[in-house]
Amino acid sequence: MSERDAIERTIQTYFDGLYEGDADKLASVFTASSLLTFENKGKATILTRDQWLDNVRARPSPKAAGLQRDDAILLVDQSGPTTALVKVKCQMPPLYFTDYLALLKIDGKWTIAQKIYATRKEAA
């Protein structure tokens, strides 16, 4: 399997976990020390991976709510053998997201070390 295929497999697990609301699946592709950062009322807001996973567990999944799935990889930039940046889009209508995922290859596996995301109330 190529490095690009391995990165895309990690991202597909991420997409599936988001859509299914499966916190364990999401945890499997994030490092335990991952942080999630987003803008909220003009300030940077940071969640730990576990805080975010608690939020995922507490909300209805897009799949269970019957929401349309529309996720895609928009960009993969692998800058070295163990680092990559992936830009993706996904949605939980009425919210639409652009995520920048910083990946590290640790022990032969691509994992998400950092997520920075933006939320919109309309499709791009």
PDB file of N, CA and C in Angstrom:
ATOM      1  N   MET A   1       0.847  -1.165   0.000  1.00  0.00           N
ATOM      2  CA  MET A   1       0.000   0.000   0.000  1.00  0.00           C
ATOM      3  C   MET A   1       0.900   1.238   0.000  1.00  0.00           C
ATOM      4  N   SER A   2       0.552   2.210  -0.828  1.00  0.00           N
ATOM      5  CA  SER A   2       1.335   3.438  -0.892  1.00  0.00           C
ATOM      6  C   SER A   2       1.048   4.308   0.336  1.00  0.00           C
ATOM      7  N   GLU A   3       1.924   5.273   0.578  1.00  0.00           N
ATOM      8  CA  GLU A   3       1.709   6.199   1.694  1.00  0.00           C
ATOM      9  C   GLU A   3       0.413   6.980   1.484  1.00  0.00           C
ATOM     10  N   ARG A   4       0.158   7.388   0.255  1.00  0.00           N
ATOM     11  CA  ARG A   4      -1.089   8.121  -0.047  1.00  0.00           C
ATOM     12  C   ARG A   4      -2.308   7.262   0.293  1.00  0.00           C
ATOM     13  N   ASP A   5      -2.264   5.988  -0.076  1.00  0.00           N
ATOM     14  CA  ASP A   5      -3.375   5.081   0.246  1.00  0.00           C
ATOM     15  C   ASP A   5      -3.551   4.945   1.754  1.00  0.00           C
ATOM     16  N   ALA A   6      -2.444   4.856   2.486  1.00  0.00           N
ATOM     17  CA  ALA A   6      -2.514   4.724   3.942  1.00  0.00           C
ATOM     18  C   ALA A   6      -3.097   5.986   4.581  1.00  0.00           C
ATOM     19  N   ILE A   7      -2.696   7.140   4.076  1.00  0.00           N
ATOM     20  CA  ILE A   7      -3.249   8.402   4.576  1.00  0.00           C
ATOM     21  C   ILE A   7      -4.750   8.449   4.289  1.00  0.00           C
ATOM     22  N   GLU A   8      -5.137   8.117   3.069  1.00  0.00           N
ATOM     23  CA  GLU A   8      -6.553   8.143   2.694  1.00  0.00           C
ATOM     24  C   GLU A   8      -7.369   7.148   3.520  1.00  0.00           C
ATOM     25  N   ARG A   9      -6.796   6.024   3.870  1.00  0.00           N
ATOM     26  CA  ARG A   9      -7.498   5.039   4.706  1.00  0.00           C
ATOM     27  C   ARG A   9      -7.767   5.627   6.099  1.00  0.00           C
ATOM     28  N   THR A  10      -6.774   6.329   6.649  1.00  0.00           N
ATOM     29  CA  THR A  10      -6.957   7.002   7.940  1.00  0.00           C
ATOM     30  C   THR A  10      -8.090   8.013   7.849  1.00  0.00           C
ATOM     31  N   ILE A  11      -8.094   8.796   6.786  1.00  0.00           N
ATOM     32  CA  ILE A  11      -9.126   9.824   6.615  1.00  0.00           C
ATOM     33  C   ILE A  11     -10.496   9.185   6.404  1.00  0.00           C
ATOM     34  N   GLN A  12     -10.567   8.080   5.702  1.00  0.00           N
ATOM     35  CA  GLN A  12     -11.860   7.405   5.515  1.00  0.00           C
ATOM     36  C   GLN A  12     -12.405   6.906   6.852  1.00  0.00           C
ATOM     37  N   THR A  13     -11.543   6.401   7.708  1.00  0.00           N
ATOM     38  CA  THR A  13     -11.969   6.001   9.054  1.00  0.00           C
ATOM     39  C   THR A  13     -12.497   7.211   9.817  1.00  0.00           C
ATOM     40  N   TYR A  14     -11.824   8.343   9.672  1.00  0.00           N
ATOM     41  CA  TYR A  14     -12.269   9.598  10.279  1.00  0.00           C
ATOM     42  C   TYR A  14     -13.672   9.967   9.772  1.00  0.00           C
ATOM     43  N   PHE A  15     -13.857   9.951   8.451  1.00  0.00           N
ATOM     44  CA  PHE A  15     -15.165  10.268   7.874  1.00  0.00           C
ATOM     45  C   PHE A  15     -16.249   9.314   8.389  1.00  0.00           C
ATOM     46  N   ASP A  16     -15.946   8.029   8.397  1.00  0.00           N
ATOM     47  CA  ASP A  16     -16.923   7.034   8.851  1.00  0.00           C
ATOM     48  C   ASP A  16     -17.276   7.256  10.320  1.00  0.00           C
ATOM     49  N   GLY A  17     -16.259   7.524  11.145  1.00  0.00           N
ATOM     50  CA  GLY A  17     -16.502   7.767  12.563  1.00  0.00           C
ATOM     51  C   GLY A  17     -17.371   8.992  12.797  1.00  0.00           C
ATOM     52  N   LEU A  18     -17.121  10.061  12.035  1.00  0.00           N
ATOM     53  CA  LEU A  18     -17.949  11.264  12.152  1.00  0.00           C
ATOM     54  C   LEU A  18     -19.393  10.968  11.772  1.00  0.00           C
ATOM     55  N   TYR A  19     -19.589  10.336  10.630  1.00  0.00           N
ATOM     56  CA  TYR A  19     -20.941  10.089  10.133  1.00  0.00           C
ATOM     57  C   TYR A  19     -21.710   9.136  11.043  1.00  0.00           C
ATOM     58  N   GLU A  20     -21.027   8.124  11.531  1.00  0.00           N
ATOM     59  CA  GLU A  20     -21.670   7.114  12.382  1.00  0.00           C
ATOM     60  C   GLU A  20     -21.745   7.548  13.847  1.00  0.00           C
ATOM     61  N   GLY A  21     -21.044   8.620  14.199  1.00  0.00           N
ATOM     62  CA  GLY A  21     -20.997   9.041  15.594  1.00  0.00           C
ATOM     63  C   GLY A  21     -20.266   8.032  16.458  1.00  0.00           C
ATOM     64  N   ASP A  22     -19.279   7.372  15.886  1.00  0.00           N
ATOM     65  CA  ASP A  22     -18.543   6.295  16.554  1.00  0.00           C
ATOM     66  C   ASP A  22     -17.252   6.866  17.162  1.00  0.00           C
ATOM     67  N   ALA A  23     -17.312   7.215  18.437  1.00  0.00           N
ATOM     68  CA  ALA A  23     -16.168   7.824  19.119  1.00  0.00           C
ATOM     69  C   ALA A  23     -14.968   6.882  19.178  1.00  0.00           C
ATOM     70  N   ASP A  24     -15.210   5.585  19.308  1.00  0.00           N
ATOM     71  CA  ASP A  24     -14.094   4.641  19.352  1.00  0.00           C
ATOM     72  C   ASP A  24     -13.372   4.588  18.004  1.00  0.00           C
ATOM     73  N   LYS A  25     -14.129   4.629  16.925  1.00  0.00           N
ATOM     74  CA  LYS A  25     -13.522   4.641  15.591  1.00  0.00           C
ATOM     75  C   LYS A  25     -12.699   5.918  15.413  1.00  0.00           C
ATOM     76  N   LEU A  26     -13.250   7.038  15.859  1.00  0.00           N
ATOM     77  CA  LEU A  26     -12.505   8.295  15.775  1.00  0.00           C
ATOM     78  C   LEU A  26     -11.240   8.247  16.628  1.00  0.00           C
ATOM     79  N   ALA A  27     -11.347   7.736  17.835  1.00  0.00           N
ATOM     80  CA  ALA A  27     -10.181   7.642  18.723  1.00  0.00           C
ATOM     81  C   ALA A  27      -9.069   6.817  18.086  1.00  0.00           C
ATOM     82  N   SER A  28      -9.434   5.845  17.265  1.00  0.00           N
ATOM     83  CA  SER A  28      -8.432   4.960  16.651  1.00  0.00           C
ATOM     84  C   SER A  28      -7.541   5.676  15.642  1.00  0.00           C
ATOM     85  N   VAL A  29      -7.963   6.855  15.150  1.00  0.00           N
ATOM     86  CA  VAL A  29      -7.149   7.568  14.166  1.00  0.00           C
ATOM     87  C   VAL A  29      -6.578   8.879  14.704  1.00  0.00           C
ATOM     88  N   PHE A  30      -6.807   9.170  15.976  1.00  0.00           N
ATOM     89  CA  PHE A  30      -6.243  10.354  16.616  1.00  0.00           C
ATOM     90  C   PHE A  30      -5.211   9.926  17.650  1.00  0.00           C
ATOM     91  N   THR A  31      -4.138  10.697  17.776  1.00  0.00           N
ATOM     92  CA  THR A  31      -3.214  10.450  18.879  1.00  0.00           C
ATOM     93  C   THR A  31      -3.915  10.855  20.179  1.00  0.00           C
ATOM     94  N   ALA A  32      -3.536  10.245  21.273  1.00  0.00           N
ATOM     95  CA  ALA A  32      -4.164  10.550  22.567  1.00  0.00           C
ATOM     96  C   ALA A  32      -3.951  12.015  22.957  1.00  0.00           C
ATOM     97  N   SER A  33      -2.877  12.617  22.475  1.00  0.00           N
ATOM     98  CA  SER A  33      -2.570  14.011  22.826  1.00  0.00           C
ATOM     99  C   SER A  33      -3.108  15.024  21.813  1.00  0.00           C
ATOM    100  N   SER A  34      -3.910  14.575  20.872  1.00  0.00           N
ATOM    101  CA  SER A  34      -4.456  15.468  19.846  1.00  0.00           C
ATOM    102  C   SER A  34      -5.241  16.618  20.454  1.00  0.00           C
ATOM    103  N   LEU A  35      -5.164  17.760  19.790  1.00  0.00           N
ATOM    104  CA  LEU A  35      -5.969  18.917  20.156  1.00  0.00           C
ATOM    105  C   LEU A  35      -6.806  19.319  18.953  1.00  0.00           C
ATOM    106  N   LEU A  36      -7.995  19.835  19.224  1.00  0.00           N
ATOM    107  CA  LEU A  36      -8.891  20.321  18.182  1.00  0.00           C
ATOM    108  C   LEU A  36      -9.104  21.804  18.425  1.00  0.00           C
ATOM    109  N   THR A  37      -8.846  22.605  17.423  1.00  0.00           N
ATOM    110  CA  THR A  37      -8.867  24.050  17.559  1.00  0.00           C
ATOM    111  C   THR A  37      -9.847  24.650  16.563  1.00  0.00           C
ATOM    112  N   PHE A  38     -10.641  25.608  17.058  1.00  0.00           N
ATOM    113  CA  PHE A  38     -11.581  26.312  16.191  1.00  0.00           C
ATOM    114  C   PHE A  38     -11.787  27.718  16.715  1.00  0.00           C
ATOM    115  N   GLU A  39     -12.290  28.586  15.854  1.00  0.00           N
ATOM    116  CA  GLU A  39     -12.579  29.966  16.224  1.00  0.00           C
ATOM    117  C   GLU A  39     -13.980  30.027  16.811  1.00  0.00           C
ATOM    118  N   ASN A  40     -14.118  30.721  17.949  1.00  0.00           N
ATOM    119  CA  ASN A  40     -15.415  30.900  18.593  1.00  0.00           C
ATOM    120  C   ASN A  40     -15.482  32.322  19.138  1.00  0.00           C
ATOM    121  N   LYS A  41     -16.339  33.136  18.537  1.00  0.00           N
ATOM    122  CA  LYS A  41     -16.527  34.532  18.963  1.00  0.00           C
ATOM    123  C   LYS A  41     -15.213  35.309  18.976  1.00  0.00           C
ATOM    124  N   GLY A  42     -14.425  35.089  17.935  1.00  0.00           N
ATOM    125  CA  GLY A  42     -13.186  35.832  17.785  1.00  0.00           C
ATOM    126  C   GLY A  42     -12.006  35.308  18.574  1.00  0.00           C
ATOM    127  N   LYS A  43     -12.168  34.170  19.220  1.00  0.00           N
ATOM    128  CA  LYS A  43     -11.075  33.606  20.017  1.00  0.00           C
ATOM    129  C   LYS A  43     -10.810  32.160  19.596  1.00  0.00           C
ATOM    130  N   ALA A  44      -9.570  31.750  19.756  1.00  0.00           N
ATOM    131  CA  ALA A  44      -9.217  30.353  19.519  1.00  0.00           C
ATOM    132  C   ALA A  44      -9.738  29.521  20.690  1.00  0.00           C
ATOM    133  N   THR A  45     -10.477  28.482  20.357  1.00  0.00           N
ATOM    134  CA  THR A  45     -10.989  27.552  21.365  1.00  0.00           C
ATOM    135  C   THR A  45     -10.330  26.201  21.114  1.00  0.00           C
ATOM    136  N   ILE A  46      -9.855  25.582  22.184  1.00  0.00           N
ATOM    137  CA  ILE A  46      -9.130  24.316  22.063  1.00  0.00           C
ATOM    138  C   ILE A  46      -9.820  23.254  22.903  1.00  0.00           C
ATOM    139  N   LEU A  47     -10.025  22.097  22.280  1.00  0.00           N
ATOM    140  CA  LEU A  47     -10.551  20.927  22.980  1.00  0.00           C
ATOM    141  C   LEU A  47      -9.505  19.823  22.934  1.00  0.00           C
ATOM    142  N   THR A  48      -9.427  19.041  23.986  1.00  0.00           N
ATOM    143  CA  THR A  48      -8.610  17.830  23.920  1.00  0.00           C
ATOM    144  C   THR A  48      -9.370  16.790  23.100  1.00  0.00           C
ATOM    145  N   ARG A  49      -8.663  15.804  22.653  1.00  0.00           N
ATOM    146  CA  ARG A  49      -9.323  14.722  21.916  1.00  0.00           C
ATOM    147  C   ARG A  49     -10.453  14.132  22.740  1.00  0.00           C
ATOM    148  N   ASP A  50     -10.206  13.870  24.020  1.00  0.00           N
ATOM    149  CA  ASP A  50     -11.217  13.211  24.847  1.00  0.00           C
ATOM    150  C   ASP A  50     -12.426  14.100  25.111  1.00  0.00           C
ATOM    151  N   GLN A  51     -12.216  15.413  25.248  1.00  0.00           N
ATOM    152  CA  GLN A  51     -13.356  16.327  25.376  1.00  0.00           C
ATOM    153  C   GLN A  51     -14.222  16.271  24.121  1.00  0.00           C
ATOM    154  N   TRP A  52     -13.574  16.288  22.971  1.00  0.00           N
ATOM    155  CA  TRP A  52     -14.296  16.232  21.704  1.00  0.00           C
ATOM    156  C   TRP A  52     -15.034  14.908  21.546  1.00  0.00           C
ATOM    157  N   LEU A  53     -14.380  13.805  21.910  1.00  0.00           N
ATOM    158  CA  LEU A  53     -15.034  12.490  21.799  1.00  0.00           C
ATOM    159  C   LEU A  53     -16.247  12.406  22.714  1.00  0.00           C
ATOM    160  N   ASP A  54     -16.185  13.033  23.889  1.00  0.00           N
ATOM    161  CA  ASP A  54     -17.366  13.097  24.764  1.00  0.00           C
ATOM    162  C   ASP A  54     -18.510  13.835  24.066  1.00  0.00           C
ATOM    163  N   ASN A  55     -18.185  14.913  23.346  1.00  0.00           N
ATOM    164  CA  ASN A  55     -19.210  15.632  22.583  1.00  0.00           C
ATOM    165  C   ASN A  55     -19.807  14.758  21.485  1.00  0.00           C
ATOM    166  N   VAL A  56     -18.960  13.996  20.813  1.00  0.00           N
ATOM    167  CA  VAL A  56     -19.437  13.088  19.760  1.00  0.00           C
ATOM    168  C   VAL A  56     -20.395  12.063  20.355  1.00  0.00           C
ATOM    169  N   ARG A  57     -20.040  11.502  21.500  1.00  0.00           N
ATOM    170  CA  ARG A  57     -20.894  10.498  22.150  1.00  0.00           C
ATOM    171  C   ARG A  57     -22.248  11.076  22.578  1.00  0.00           C
ATOM    172  N   ALA A  58     -22.269  12.372  22.916  1.00  0.00           N
ATOM    173  CA  ALA A  58     -23.473  13.000  23.471  1.00  0.00           C
ATOM    174  C   ALA A  58     -24.457  13.488  22.402  1.00  0.00           C
ATOM    175  N   ARG A  59     -24.025  13.538  21.152  1.00  0.00           N
ATOM    176  CA  ARG A  59     -24.923  14.064  20.120  1.00  0.00           C
ATOM    177  C   ARG A  59     -25.418  12.933  19.215  1.00  0.00           C
ATOM    178  N   PRO A  60     -26.596  13.123  18.615  1.00  0.00           N
ATOM    179  CA  PRO A  60     -27.065  12.114  17.655  1.00  0.00           C
ATOM    180  C   PRO A  60     -26.131  12.080  16.444  1.00  0.00           C
ATOM    181  N   SER A  61     -25.867  10.914  15.939  1.00  0.00           N
ATOM    182  CA  SER A  61     -24.991  10.817  14.773  1.00  0.00           C
ATOM    183  C   SER A  61     -25.728  11.296  13.527  1.00  0.00           C
ATOM    184  N   PRO A  62     -24.983  11.843  12.565  1.00  0.00           N
ATOM    185  CA  PRO A  62     -25.623  12.218  11.304  1.00  0.00           C
ATOM    186  C   PRO A  62     -26.326  11.023  10.639  1.00  0.00           C
ATOM    187  N   LYS A  63     -25.731   9.846  10.750  1.00  0.00           N
ATOM    188  CA  LYS A  63     -26.338   8.654  10.156  1.00  0.00           C
ATOM    189  C   LYS A  63     -27.683   8.354  10.819  1.00  0.00           C
ATOM    190  N   ALA A  64     -27.724   8.353  12.160  1.00  0.00           N
ATOM    191  CA  ALA A  64     -28.964   8.059  12.884  1.00  0.00           C
ATOM    192  C   ALA A  64     -30.032   9.115  12.606  1.00  0.00           C
ATOM    193  N   ALA A  65     -29.591  10.344  12.343  1.00  0.00           N
ATOM    194  CA  ALA A  65     -30.540  11.432  12.058  1.00  0.00           C
ATOM    195  C   ALA A  65     -30.989  11.420  10.600  1.00  0.00           C
ATOM    196  N   GLY A  66     -30.428  10.508   9.801  1.00  0.00           N
ATOM    197  CA  GLY A  66     -30.799  10.416   8.394  1.00  0.00           C
ATOM    198  C   GLY A  66     -30.267  11.553   7.543  1.00  0.00           C
ATOM    199  N   LEU A  67     -29.190  12.196   8.011  1.00  0.00           N
ATOM    200  CA  LEU A  67     -28.619  13.318   7.277  1.00  0.00           C
ATOM    201  C   LEU A  67     -27.795  12.828   6.087  1.00  0.00           C
ATOM    202  N   GLN A  68     -27.786  13.633   5.055  1.00  0.00           N
ATOM    203  CA  GLN A  68     -27.026  13.317   3.859  1.00  0.00           C
ATOM    204  C   GLN A  68     -25.537  13.351   4.171  1.00  0.00           C
ATOM    205  N   ARG A  69     -24.815  12.421   3.587  1.00  0.00           N
ATOM    206  CA  ARG A  69     -23.363  12.369   3.761  1.00  0.00           C
ATOM    207  C   ARG A  69     -22.691  13.013   2.561  1.00  0.00           C
ATOM    208  N   ASP A  70     -21.770  13.920   2.830  1.00  0.00           N
ATOM    209  CA  ASP A  70     -20.988  14.551   1.770  1.00  0.00           C
ATOM    210  C   ASP A  70     -19.634  14.915   2.360  1.00  0.00           C
ATOM    211  N   ASP A  71     -18.702  13.977   2.273  1.00  0.00           N
ATOM    212  CA  ASP A  71     -17.357  14.222   2.769  1.00  0.00           C
ATOM    213  C   ASP A  71     -16.361  13.939   1.653  1.00  0.00           C
ATOM    214  N   ALA A  72     -15.266  14.654   1.676  1.00  0.00           N
ATOM    215  CA  ALA A  72     -14.266  14.485   0.625  1.00  0.00           C
ATOM    216  C   ALA A  72     -12.919  15.019   1.076  1.00  0.00           C
ATOM    217  N   ILE A  73     -11.890  14.386   0.556  1.00  0.00           N
ATOM    218  CA  ILE A  73     -10.531  14.887   0.723  1.00  0.00           C
ATOM    219  C   ILE A  73     -10.311  15.944  -0.348  1.00  0.00           C
ATOM    220  N   LEU A  74      -9.914  17.132   0.077  1.00  0.00           N
ATOM    221  CA  LEU A  74      -9.689  18.228  -0.855  1.00  0.00           C
ATOM    222  C   LEU A  74      -8.210  18.404  -1.199  1.00  0.00           C
ATOM    223  N   LEU A  75      -7.321  18.010  -0.269  1.00  0.00           N
ATOM    224  CA  LEU A  75      -5.889  18.208  -0.474  1.00  0.00           C
ATOM    225  C   LEU A  75      -5.113  17.265   0.431  1.00  0.00           C
ATOM    226  N   VAL A  76      -4.077  16.668  -0.115  1.00  0.00           N
ATOM    227  CA  VAL A  76      -3.111  15.914   0.691  1.00  0.00           C
ATOM    228  C   VAL A  76      -1.732  16.467   0.361  1.00  0.00           C
ATOM    229  N   ASP A  77      -1.029  16.915   1.399  1.00  0.00           N
ATOM    230  CA  ASP A  77       0.322  17.443   1.245  1.00  0.00           C
ATOM    231  C   ASP A  77       1.222  16.666   2.193  1.00  0.00           C
ATOM    232  N   GLN A  78       1.927  15.674   1.640  1.00  0.00           N
ATOM    233  CA  GLN A  78       2.850  14.898   2.456  1.00  0.00           C
ATOM    234  C   GLN A  78       4.225  15.538   2.340  1.00  0.00           C
ATOM    235  N   SER A  79       4.679  16.134   3.429  1.00  0.00           N
ATOM    236  CA  SER A  79       5.922  16.899   3.396  1.00  0.00           C
ATOM    237  C   SER A  79       7.147  16.081   3.781  1.00  0.00           C
ATOM    238  N   GLY A  80       6.948  14.875   4.237  1.00  0.00           N
ATOM    239  CA  GLY A  80       8.056  14.012   4.615  1.00  0.00           C
ATOM    240  C   GLY A  80       7.543  12.615   4.870  1.00  0.00           C
ATOM    241  N   PRO A  81       8.408  11.709   5.260  1.00  0.00           N
ATOM    242  CA  PRO A  81       7.986  10.327   5.450  1.00  0.00           C
ATOM    243  C   PRO A  81       7.050  10.122   6.639  1.00  0.00           C
ATOM    244  N   THR A  82       7.006  11.097   7.558  1.00  0.00           N
ATOM    245  CA  THR A  82       6.168  10.920   8.751  1.00  0.00           C
ATOM    246  C   THR A  82       5.222  12.094   9.006  1.00  0.00           C
ATOM    247  N   THR A  83       5.090  13.028   8.046  1.00  0.00           N
ATOM    248  CA  THR A  83       4.210  14.179   8.246  1.00  0.00           C
ATOM    249  C   THR A  83       3.365  14.441   7.008  1.00  0.00           C
ATOM    250  N   ALA A  84       2.118  14.839   7.254  1.00  0.00           N
ATOM    251  CA  ALA A  84       1.214  15.199   6.158  1.00  0.00           C
ATOM    252  C   ALA A  84       0.155  16.160   6.683  1.00  0.00           C
ATOM    253  N   LEU A  85      -0.356  16.979   5.775  1.00  0.00           N
ATOM    254  CA  LEU A  85      -1.478  17.850   6.056  1.00  0.00           C
ATOM    255  C   LEU A  85      -2.587  17.480   5.087  1.00  0.00           C
ATOM    256  N   VAL A  86      -3.783  17.264   5.619  1.00  0.00           N
ATOM    257  CA  VAL A  86      -4.922  16.883   4.787  1.00  0.00           C
ATOM    258  C   VAL A  86      -6.050  17.872   5.038  1.00  0.00           C
ATOM    259  N   LYS A  87      -6.592  18.425   3.966  1.00  0.00           N
ATOM    260  CA  LYS A  87      -7.744  19.321   4.033  1.00  0.00           C
ATOM    261  C   LYS A  87      -8.961  18.530   3.565  1.00  0.00           C
ATOM    262  N   VAL A  88     -10.011  18.552   4.380  1.00  0.00           N
ATOM    263  CA  VAL A  88     -11.212  17.793   4.047  1.00  0.00           C
ATOM    264  C   VAL A  88     -12.458  18.665   4.219  1.00  0.00           C
ATOM    265  N   LYS A  89     -13.554  18.207   3.630  1.00  0.00           N
ATOM    266  CA  LYS A  89     -14.864  18.811   3.894  1.00  0.00           C
ATOM    267  C   LYS A  89     -15.777  17.709   4.388  1.00  0.00           C
ATOM    268  N   CYS A  90     -16.693  18.099   5.275  1.00  0.00           N
ATOM    269  CA  CYS A  90     -17.700  17.167   5.770  1.00  0.00           C
ATOM    270  C   CYS A  90     -18.880  17.989   6.259  1.00  0.00           C
ATOM    271  N   GLN A  91     -19.954  17.311   6.607  1.00  0.00           N
ATOM    272  CA  GLN A  91     -21.146  18.054   6.988  1.00  0.00           C
ATOM    273  C   GLN A  91     -21.995  17.304   7.992  1.00  0.00           C
ATOM    274  N   MET A  92     -22.719  18.097   8.768  1.00  0.00           N
ATOM    275  CA  MET A  92     -23.791  17.642   9.643  1.00  0.00           C
ATOM    276  C   MET A  92     -24.864  18.720   9.529  1.00  0.00           C
ATOM    277  N   PRO A  93     -25.590  18.739   8.389  1.00  0.00           N
ATOM    278  CA  PRO A  93     -26.535  19.828   8.158  1.00  0.00           C
ATOM    279  C   PRO A  93     -27.357  20.109   9.408  1.00  0.00           C
ATOM    280  N   PRO A  94     -27.466  21.385   9.752  1.00  0.00           N
ATOM    281  CA  PRO A  94     -27.193  22.582   8.950  1.00  0.00           C
ATOM    282  C   PRO A  94     -25.763  23.105   9.060  1.00  0.00           C
ATOM    283  N   LEU A  95     -24.850  22.325   9.587  1.00  0.00           N
ATOM    284  CA  LEU A  95     -23.460  22.773   9.720  1.00  0.00           C
ATOM    285  C   LEU A  95     -22.575  22.079   8.680  1.00  0.00           C
ATOM    286  N   TYR A  96     -21.650  22.854   8.133  1.00  0.00           N
ATOM    287  CA  TYR A  96     -20.720  22.364   7.122  1.00  0.00           C
ATOM    288  C   TYR A  96     -19.316  22.722   7.590  1.00  0.00           C
ATOM    289  N   PHE A  97     -18.381  21.811   7.419  1.00  0.00           N
ATOM    290  CA  PHE A  97     -17.054  21.953   8.005  1.00  0.00           C
ATOM    291  C   PHE A  97     -15.950  21.848   6.959  1.00  0.00           C
ATOM    292  N   THR A  98     -14.898  22.619   7.176  1.00  0.00           N
ATOM    293  CA  THR A  98     -13.617  22.431   6.510  1.00  0.00           C
ATOM    294  C   THR A  98     -12.622  22.125   7.618  1.00  0.00           C
ATOM    295  N   ASP A  99     -11.961  20.990   7.508  1.00  0.00           N
ATOM    296  CA  ASP A  99     -11.005  20.551   8.522  1.00  0.00           C
ATOM    297  C   ASP A  99      -9.608  20.503   7.922  1.00  0.00           C
ATOM    298  N   TYR A 100      -8.646  20.969   8.693  1.00  0.00           N
ATOM    299  CA  TYR A 100      -7.234  20.818   8.373  1.00  0.00           C
ATOM    300  C   TYR A 100      -6.677  19.836   9.387  1.00  0.00           C
ATOM    301  N   LEU A 101      -6.257  18.687   8.896  1.00  0.00           N
ATOM    302  CA  LEU A 101      -5.805  17.601   9.761  1.00  0.00           C
ATOM    303  C   LEU A 101      -4.303  17.406   9.584  1.00  0.00           C
ATOM    304  N   ALA A 102      -3.548  17.603  10.660  1.00  0.00           N
ATOM    305  CA  ALA A 102      -2.105  17.378  10.647  1.00  0.00           C
ATOM    306  C   ALA A 102      -1.864  15.938  11.086  1.00  0.00           C
ATOM    307  N   LEU A 103      -1.250  15.171  10.215  1.00  0.00           N
ATOM    308  CA  LEU A 103      -1.010  13.758  10.485  1.00  0.00           C
ATOM    309  C   LEU A 103       0.461  13.482  10.754  1.00  0.00           C
ATOM    310  N   LEU A 104       0.677  12.518  11.647  1.00  0.00           N
ATOM    311  CA  LEU A 104       2.006  11.989  11.917  1.00  0.00           C
ATOM    312  C   LEU A 104       1.968  10.482  11.710  1.00  0.00           C
ATOM    313  N   LYS A 105       3.037   9.942  11.169  1.00  0.00           N
ATOM    314  CA  LYS A 105       3.160   8.495  11.043  1.00  0.00           C
ATOM    315  C   LYS A 105       3.958   8.014  12.243  1.00  0.00           C
ATOM    316  N   ILE A 106       3.270   7.288  13.120  1.00  0.00           N
ATOM    317  CA  ILE A 106       3.874   6.799  14.356  1.00  0.00           C
ATOM    318  C   ILE A 106       3.756   5.283  14.387  1.00  0.00           C
ATOM    319  N   ASP A 107       4.876   4.621  14.618  1.00  0.00           N
ATOM    320  CA  ASP A 107       4.901   3.151  14.634  1.00  0.00           C
ATOM    321  C   ASP A 107       4.258   2.569  13.384  1.00  0.00           C
ATOM    322  N   GLY A 108       4.521   3.208  12.234  1.00  0.00           N
ATOM    323  CA  GLY A 108       4.042   2.695  10.954  1.00  0.00           C
ATOM    324  C   GLY A 108       2.587   3.002  10.634  1.00  0.00           C
ATOM    325  N   LYS A 109       1.927   3.800  11.468  1.00  0.00           N
ATOM    326  CA  LYS A 109       0.502   4.094  11.260  1.00  0.00           C
ATOM    327  C   LYS A 109       0.283   5.598  11.200  1.00  0.00           C
ATOM    328  N   TRP A 110      -0.477   6.056  10.202  1.00  0.00           N
ATOM    329  CA  TRP A 110      -0.831   7.471  10.095  1.00  0.00           C
ATOM    330  C   TRP A 110      -1.930   7.795  11.090  1.00  0.00           C
ATOM    331  N   THR A 111      -1.699   8.838  11.907  1.00  0.00           N
ATOM    332  CA  THR A 111      -2.682   9.268  12.899  1.00  0.00           C
ATOM    333  C   THR A 111      -2.818  10.790  12.853  1.00  0.00           C
ATOM    334  N   ILE A 112      -3.966  11.273  13.312  1.00  0.00           N
ATOM    335  CA  ILE A 112      -4.237  12.703  13.337  1.00  0.00           C
ATOM    336  C   ILE A 112      -3.705  13.268  14.651  1.00  0.00           C
ATOM    337  N   ALA A 113      -2.777  14.208  14.536  1.00  0.00           N
ATOM    338  CA  ALA A 113      -2.167  14.811  15.723  1.00  0.00           C
ATOM    339  C   ALA A 113      -2.825  16.138  16.085  1.00  0.00           C
ATOM    340  N   GLN A 114      -3.426  16.793  15.091  1.00  0.00           N
ATOM    341  CA  GLN A 114      -4.045  18.103  15.315  1.00  0.00           C
ATOM    342  C   GLN A 114      -5.158  18.290  14.300  1.00  0.00           C
ATOM    343  N   LYS A 115      -6.244  18.869  14.762  1.00  0.00           N
ATOM    344  CA  LYS A 115      -7.367  19.217  13.880  1.00  0.00           C
ATOM    345  C   LYS A 115      -7.694  20.685  14.104  1.00  0.00           C
ATOM    346  N   ILE A 116      -7.681  21.453  13.027  1.00  0.00           N
ATOM    347  CA  ILE A 116      -8.142  22.840  13.047  1.00  0.00           C
ATOM    348  C   ILE A 116      -9.306  22.900  12.089  1.00  0.00           C
ATOM    349  N   TYR A 117     -10.421  23.462  12.557  1.00  0.00           N
ATOM    350  CA  TYR A 117     -11.592  23.430  11.673  1.00  0.00           C
ATOM    351  C   TYR A 117     -12.389  24.718  11.720  1.00  0.00           C
ATOM    352  N   ALA A 118     -13.135  24.895  10.625  1.00  0.00           N
ATOM    353  CA  ALA A 118     -14.037  26.029  10.478  1.00  0.00           C
ATOM    354  C   ALA A 118     -15.432  25.487  10.207  1.00  0.00           C
ATOM    355  N   THR A 119     -16.425  26.172  10.765  1.00  0.00           N
ATOM    356  CA  THR A 119     -17.815  25.773  10.614  1.00  0.00           C
ATOM    357  C   THR A 119     -18.570  26.852   9.855  1.00  0.00           C
ATOM    358  N   ARG A 120     -19.424  26.411   8.934  1.00  0.00           N
ATOM    359  CA  ARG A 120     -20.298  27.326   8.197  1.00  0.00           C
ATOM    360  C   ARG A 120     -21.740  26.826   8.335  1.00  0.00           C
ATOM    361  N   LYS A 121     -22.673  27.708   8.073  1.00  0.00           N
ATOM    362  CA  LYS A 121     -24.080  27.311   8.110  1.00  0.00           C
ATOM    363  C   LYS A 121     -24.656  27.139   6.715  1.00  0.00           C
ATOM    364  N   GLU A 122     -23.780  27.085   5.717  1.00  0.00           N
ATOM    365  CA  GLU A 122     -24.233  26.842   4.351  1.00  0.00           C
ATOM    366  C   GLU A 122     -23.157  26.047   3.609  1.00  0.00           C
ATOM    367  N   ALA A 123     -23.590  25.264   2.651  1.00  0.00           N
ATOM    368  CA  ALA A 123     -22.644  24.463   1.879  1.00  0.00           C
ATOM    369  C   ALA A 123     -21.751  25.382   1.055  1.00  0.00           C
ATOM    370  N   ALA A 124     -20.515  24.984   0.886  1.00  0.00           N
ATOM    371  CA  ALA A 124     -19.569  25.786   0.109  1.00  0.00           C
ATOM    372  C   ALA A 124     -19.771  25.560  -1.377  1.00  0.00           C
TER     373      ALA A 124
END
